[in-house]
Amino acid sequence: MSVPTTSPQTATEPAAVNSAEISFPPSDLESQEPPVETELHLRQILLLIQGLEWLWQDRQDFYAFGNLTVYYSPNQRKSEDFRGPDFFVVLGTEKRPRKSWVVWEENGQYPHVIVELLSNSTATVDRGLKKQLYQDTFRTPDYFWFDPHSLEFAGFHLVDGQYVPLEPTAEGRLWSQQLQLFLGVHDQQLRFFTPEGALVPTPEEVVVAERQRSDRMAAKLQELGIDPEQLSD
């Protein structure tokens, strides 16, 4: 009696799928950015993100992040046409986590504000090629660069398709029309300032300030002979 042969594909096995037929959602595009160059660069990126998110904590209509790939291929291919700004802000969009910024998945929106952090290896590109790209292709209205080591700081606003240098205030700050905030150097770091000139704090700085205010109030009460602990009971 002959023994029945078993087909390589049994009834319980799934049919083979041609890999070319698999379509992955474009939103799965991962950021391709390398690690930031120095500790100063990383701390600066985090400072900008935290400051803006604290100031706009009640807003859900923006996205701000750093060292994240922006895919902008007109052919919707992740293998071509991508750049990774050190810090960027997109306005009028949903505030939610993303693996990357995919222009064709975001209603064609490009960053409204970009900040590049200069280094010995990137300064020439940031001042030249990237500036041209952000002006001509991204059409990003506000572009800034800052060197965490030398403190070189410059900014540009798009006027009639061309970047025009921003004039600094007496304090050396530059105005972002898109953010309606100033950017300026404070304690050797690039920070946001309100239109009135107040420093935009980070959440950690807010906690420290509140603790210091509480300590001063407690000390004043003690000078008056009042036990602060009794007031909290």
Protein backbone atom coordinates (compact mmCIF):
# COMPACT_ATOMS: atom_id res chain seq x y z
CA MET A 1 0.00 0.00 0.00
CA SER A 2 1.37 3.38 -0.96
CA VAL A 3 1.85 6.00 1.70
CA PRO A 4 0.02 9.27 0.97
CA THR A 5 2.36 12.19 0.48
CA THR A 6 1.86 15.39 2.45
CA SER A 7 1.69 18.66 0.61
CA PRO A 8 4.10 21.32 1.87
CA GLN A 9 1.00 23.42 2.54
CA THR A 10 -1.66 21.64 4.57
CA ALA A 11 -5.23 22.79 5.07
CA THR A 12 -4.36 24.22 8.47
CA GLU A 13 -1.39 26.25 7.25
CA PRO A 14 -1.85 29.78 5.93
CA ALA A 15 -1.27 30.40 2.28
CA ALA A 16 2.13 31.82 1.39
CA VAL A 17 2.12 35.55 0.99
CA ASN A 18 4.30 37.38 -1.46
CA SER A 19 6.31 39.94 0.50
CA ALA A 20 5.75 42.41 -2.30
CA GLU A 21 2.02 42.29 -1.52
CA ILE A 22 2.48 43.33 2.10
CA SER A 23 1.64 46.98 2.68
CA PHE A 24 2.78 48.55 5.93
CA PRO A 25 1.03 51.70 7.15
CA PRO A 26 3.08 54.83 6.37
CA SER A 27 2.67 55.89 10.00
CA ASP A 28 5.08 53.09 10.94
CA LEU A 29 7.99 55.03 9.46
CA GLU A 30 10.70 55.18 12.09
CA SER A 31 12.96 58.13 12.78
CA GLN A 32 16.40 57.59 11.29
CA GLU A 33 18.25 60.22 13.29
CA PRO A 34 21.56 59.30 14.96
CA PRO A 35 22.18 60.10 18.64
CA VAL A 36 22.79 63.76 19.41
CA GLU A 37 26.42 64.81 19.33
CA THR A 38 27.07 66.01 22.88
CA GLU A 39 25.43 66.26 26.28
CA LEU A 40 24.94 70.00 25.72
CA HIS A 41 23.01 69.30 22.51
CA LEU A 42 20.74 66.76 24.21
CA ARG A 43 20.05 68.99 27.20
CA GLN A 44 19.29 71.90 24.87
CA ILE A 45 16.77 69.91 22.84
CA LEU A 46 15.01 68.71 26.00
CA LEU A 47 14.96 72.24 27.39
CA LEU A 48 13.17 73.60 24.32
CA ILE A 49 10.63 70.76 24.31
CA GLN A 50 9.88 70.99 28.03
CA GLY A 51 9.64 74.77 28.06
CA LEU A 52 7.15 74.98 25.20
CA GLU A 53 5.06 72.04 26.42
CA TRP A 54 4.81 73.57 29.89
CA LEU A 55 3.81 76.97 28.50
CA TRP A 56 1.25 75.41 26.16
CA GLN A 57 0.11 72.65 28.53
CA ASP A 58 -3.55 73.52 27.90
CA ARG A 59 -3.16 73.38 24.12
CA GLN A 60 -3.67 70.29 21.99
CA ASP A 61 -3.07 71.87 18.59
CA PHE A 62 0.69 71.61 18.15
CA TYR A 63 3.53 69.13 17.92
CA ALA A 64 7.01 69.93 19.23
CA PHE A 65 9.89 67.51 19.28
CA GLY A 66 13.56 67.12 18.38
CA ASN A 67 16.06 64.90 16.62
CA LEU A 68 13.18 63.31 14.71
CA THR A 69 13.10 62.52 11.00
CA VAL A 70 10.84 64.59 8.73
CA TYR A 71 9.89 62.57 5.61
CA TYR A 72 8.83 64.79 2.72
CA SER A 73 9.24 62.72 -0.45
CA PRO A 74 6.70 63.76 -3.13
CA ASN A 75 6.72 60.07 -4.12
CA GLN A 76 5.84 59.11 -0.54
CA ARG A 77 8.97 57.00 -0.16
CA LYS A 78 10.87 56.85 3.09
CA SER A 79 14.09 56.03 1.23
CA GLU A 80 14.34 59.52 -0.23
CA ASP A 81 13.91 63.15 0.81
CA PHE A 82 14.16 63.20 4.59
CA ARG A 83 15.85 65.43 7.14
CA GLY A 84 16.02 65.53 10.92
CA PRO A 85 15.82 68.99 12.50
CA ASP A 86 17.25 69.22 16.00
CA PHE A 87 14.02 70.87 17.19
CA PHE A 88 10.85 71.75 15.33
CA VAL A 89 7.29 72.85 15.95
CA VAL A 90 4.22 72.23 13.81
CA LEU A 91 1.13 74.30 14.55
CA GLY A 92 -2.51 73.44 13.90
CA THR A 93 -2.01 69.70 14.27
CA GLU A 94 -2.89 66.99 16.77
CA LYS A 95 -0.68 66.76 19.85
CA ARG A 96 0.19 63.05 20.09
CA PRO A 97 3.32 60.85 20.05
CA ARG A 98 4.85 60.06 16.66
CA LYS A 99 7.68 57.86 15.45
CA SER A 100 8.56 60.44 12.81
CA TRP A 101 6.94 63.35 10.98
CA VAL A 102 5.58 62.13 7.64
CA VAL A 103 4.46 65.12 5.60
CA TRP A 104 2.11 63.18 3.32
CA GLU A 105 0.40 61.71 6.40
CA GLU A 106 0.05 65.13 8.05
CA ASN A 107 -2.06 66.97 5.48
CA GLY A 108 1.09 68.18 3.76
CA GLN A 109 2.20 70.18 6.78
CA TYR A 110 5.85 71.08 7.25
CA PRO A 111 7.37 72.54 10.44
CA HIS A 112 6.47 76.15 11.17
CA VAL A 113 9.55 76.66 13.34
CA ILE A 114 12.93 74.92 13.19
CA VAL A 115 15.96 75.27 15.46
CA GLU A 116 19.25 73.67 14.46
CA LEU A 117 22.05 73.24 17.00
CA LEU A 118 25.41 73.93 15.44
CA SER A 119 28.47 71.73 15.91
CA ASN A 120 31.84 71.44 14.19
CA SER A 121 30.50 68.73 11.90
CA THR A 122 27.09 70.27 11.07
CA ALA A 123 27.53 74.06 11.14
CA THR A 124 28.31 74.42 7.43
CA VAL A 125 25.27 72.35 6.44
CA ASP A 126 22.98 74.11 8.92
CA ARG A 127 24.01 77.55 7.65
CA GLY A 128 23.90 76.54 3.99
CA LEU A 129 22.17 73.43 2.65
CA LYS A 130 19.57 73.13 5.41
CA LYS A 131 18.81 76.83 5.38
CA GLN A 132 18.17 76.60 1.63
CA LEU A 133 16.03 73.48 2.07
CA TYR A 134 13.91 75.00 4.83
CA GLN A 135 13.46 78.15 2.77
CA ASP A 136 12.69 76.65 -0.64
CA THR A 137 11.10 73.26 0.10
CA PHE A 138 9.82 73.25 3.66
CA ARG A 139 8.82 76.92 3.43
CA THR A 140 9.31 77.03 7.21
CA PRO A 141 8.46 80.60 8.32
CA ASP A 142 10.88 80.80 11.28
CA TYR A 143 14.38 79.27 11.23
CA PHE A 144 16.96 79.62 14.00
CA TRP A 145 20.35 78.17 14.74
CA PHE A 146 22.27 78.08 18.01
CA ASP A 147 25.71 76.78 19.01
CA PRO A 148 25.62 75.40 22.59
CA HIS A 149 29.41 75.84 22.82
CA SER A 150 30.18 79.20 21.20
CA LEU A 151 26.65 80.58 21.83
CA GLU A 152 26.36 81.75 18.22
CA PHE A 153 22.68 82.56 17.70
CA ALA A 154 20.83 83.71 14.58
CA GLY A 155 17.30 83.66 13.24
CA PHE A 156 15.42 84.22 9.99
CA HIS A 157 11.84 84.84 8.93
CA LEU A 158 10.44 83.93 5.52
CA VAL A 159 9.44 87.04 3.55
CA ASP A 160 8.29 86.68 -0.06
CA GLY A 161 9.95 83.28 -0.26
CA GLN A 162 13.32 84.42 1.09
CA TYR A 163 14.81 84.23 4.57
CA VAL A 164 15.41 87.66 6.06
CA PRO A 165 17.66 87.92 9.14
CA LEU A 166 15.83 88.84 12.35
CA GLU A 167 16.98 91.93 14.23
CA PRO A 168 17.79 91.20 17.89
CA THR A 169 16.36 93.19 20.77
CA ALA A 170 18.58 95.06 23.19
CA GLU A 171 18.76 91.81 25.19
CA GLY A 172 19.86 89.89 22.09
CA ARG A 173 16.54 88.06 21.70
CA LEU A 174 14.84 87.16 18.43
CA TRP A 175 11.09 87.17 17.82
CA SER A 176 9.27 84.14 16.45
CA GLN A 177 6.12 85.27 14.69
CA GLN A 178 4.86 81.70 14.56
CA LEU A 179 5.24 81.03 18.28
CA GLN A 180 4.55 84.59 19.39
CA LEU A 181 7.54 84.18 21.68
CA PHE A 182 11.10 85.45 21.89
CA LEU A 183 14.09 83.13 21.76
CA GLY A 184 17.23 84.19 23.55
CA VAL A 185 20.31 82.99 25.40
CA HIS A 186 19.96 82.64 29.18
CA ASP A 187 22.64 81.03 31.33
CA GLN A 188 24.36 79.82 28.13
CA GLN A 189 21.23 78.03 26.94
CA LEU A 190 18.63 78.89 24.31
CA ARG A 191 15.33 79.64 26.02
CA PHE A 192 11.84 80.91 25.26
CA PHE A 193 10.63 84.26 26.59
CA THR A 194 7.10 85.65 26.67
CA PRO A 195 6.23 88.80 24.67
CA GLU A 196 6.63 90.71 27.94
CA GLY A 197 10.16 89.35 28.34
CA ALA A 198 9.58 86.79 31.10
CA LEU A 199 11.60 83.58 30.95
CA VAL A 200 9.47 80.52 30.15
CA PRO A 201 10.35 78.00 32.88
CA THR A 202 10.60 74.25 32.71
CA PRO A 203 8.39 72.11 35.00
CA GLU A 204 11.41 71.47 37.23
CA GLU A 205 12.09 75.18 37.55
CA VAL A 206 8.46 75.80 38.49
CA VAL A 207 8.71 73.23 41.30
CA VAL A 208 11.94 74.76 42.60
CA ALA A 209 10.49 78.28 42.48
CA GLU A 210 7.37 77.22 44.38
CA ARG A 211 9.47 75.46 47.01
CA GLN A 212 11.65 78.54 47.46
CA ARG A 213 8.58 80.76 47.79
CA SER A 214 7.13 78.40 50.39
CA ASP A 215 10.40 78.40 52.34
CA ARG A 216 10.55 82.21 52.32
CA MET A 217 6.97 82.44 53.55
CA ALA A 218 7.67 79.93 56.34
CA ALA A 219 10.75 81.88 57.41
CA LYS A 220 8.76 85.13 57.49
CA LEU A 221 6.04 83.55 59.64
CA GLN A 222 8.65 82.26 62.06
CA GLU A 223 10.07 85.78 62.37
CA LEU A 224 6.58 86.88 63.40
CA GLY A 225 6.42 84.12 66.00
CA ILE A 226 3.96 82.00 64.03
CA ASP A 227 4.50 78.29 63.57
CA PRO A 228 3.85 77.49 59.85
CA GLU A 229 2.92 73.93 60.77
CA GLN A 230 -0.05 75.16 62.82
CA LEU A 231 -1.43 76.99 59.80
CA SER A 232 -1.44 73.81 57.75
CA ASP A 233 -3.46 71.84 60.34
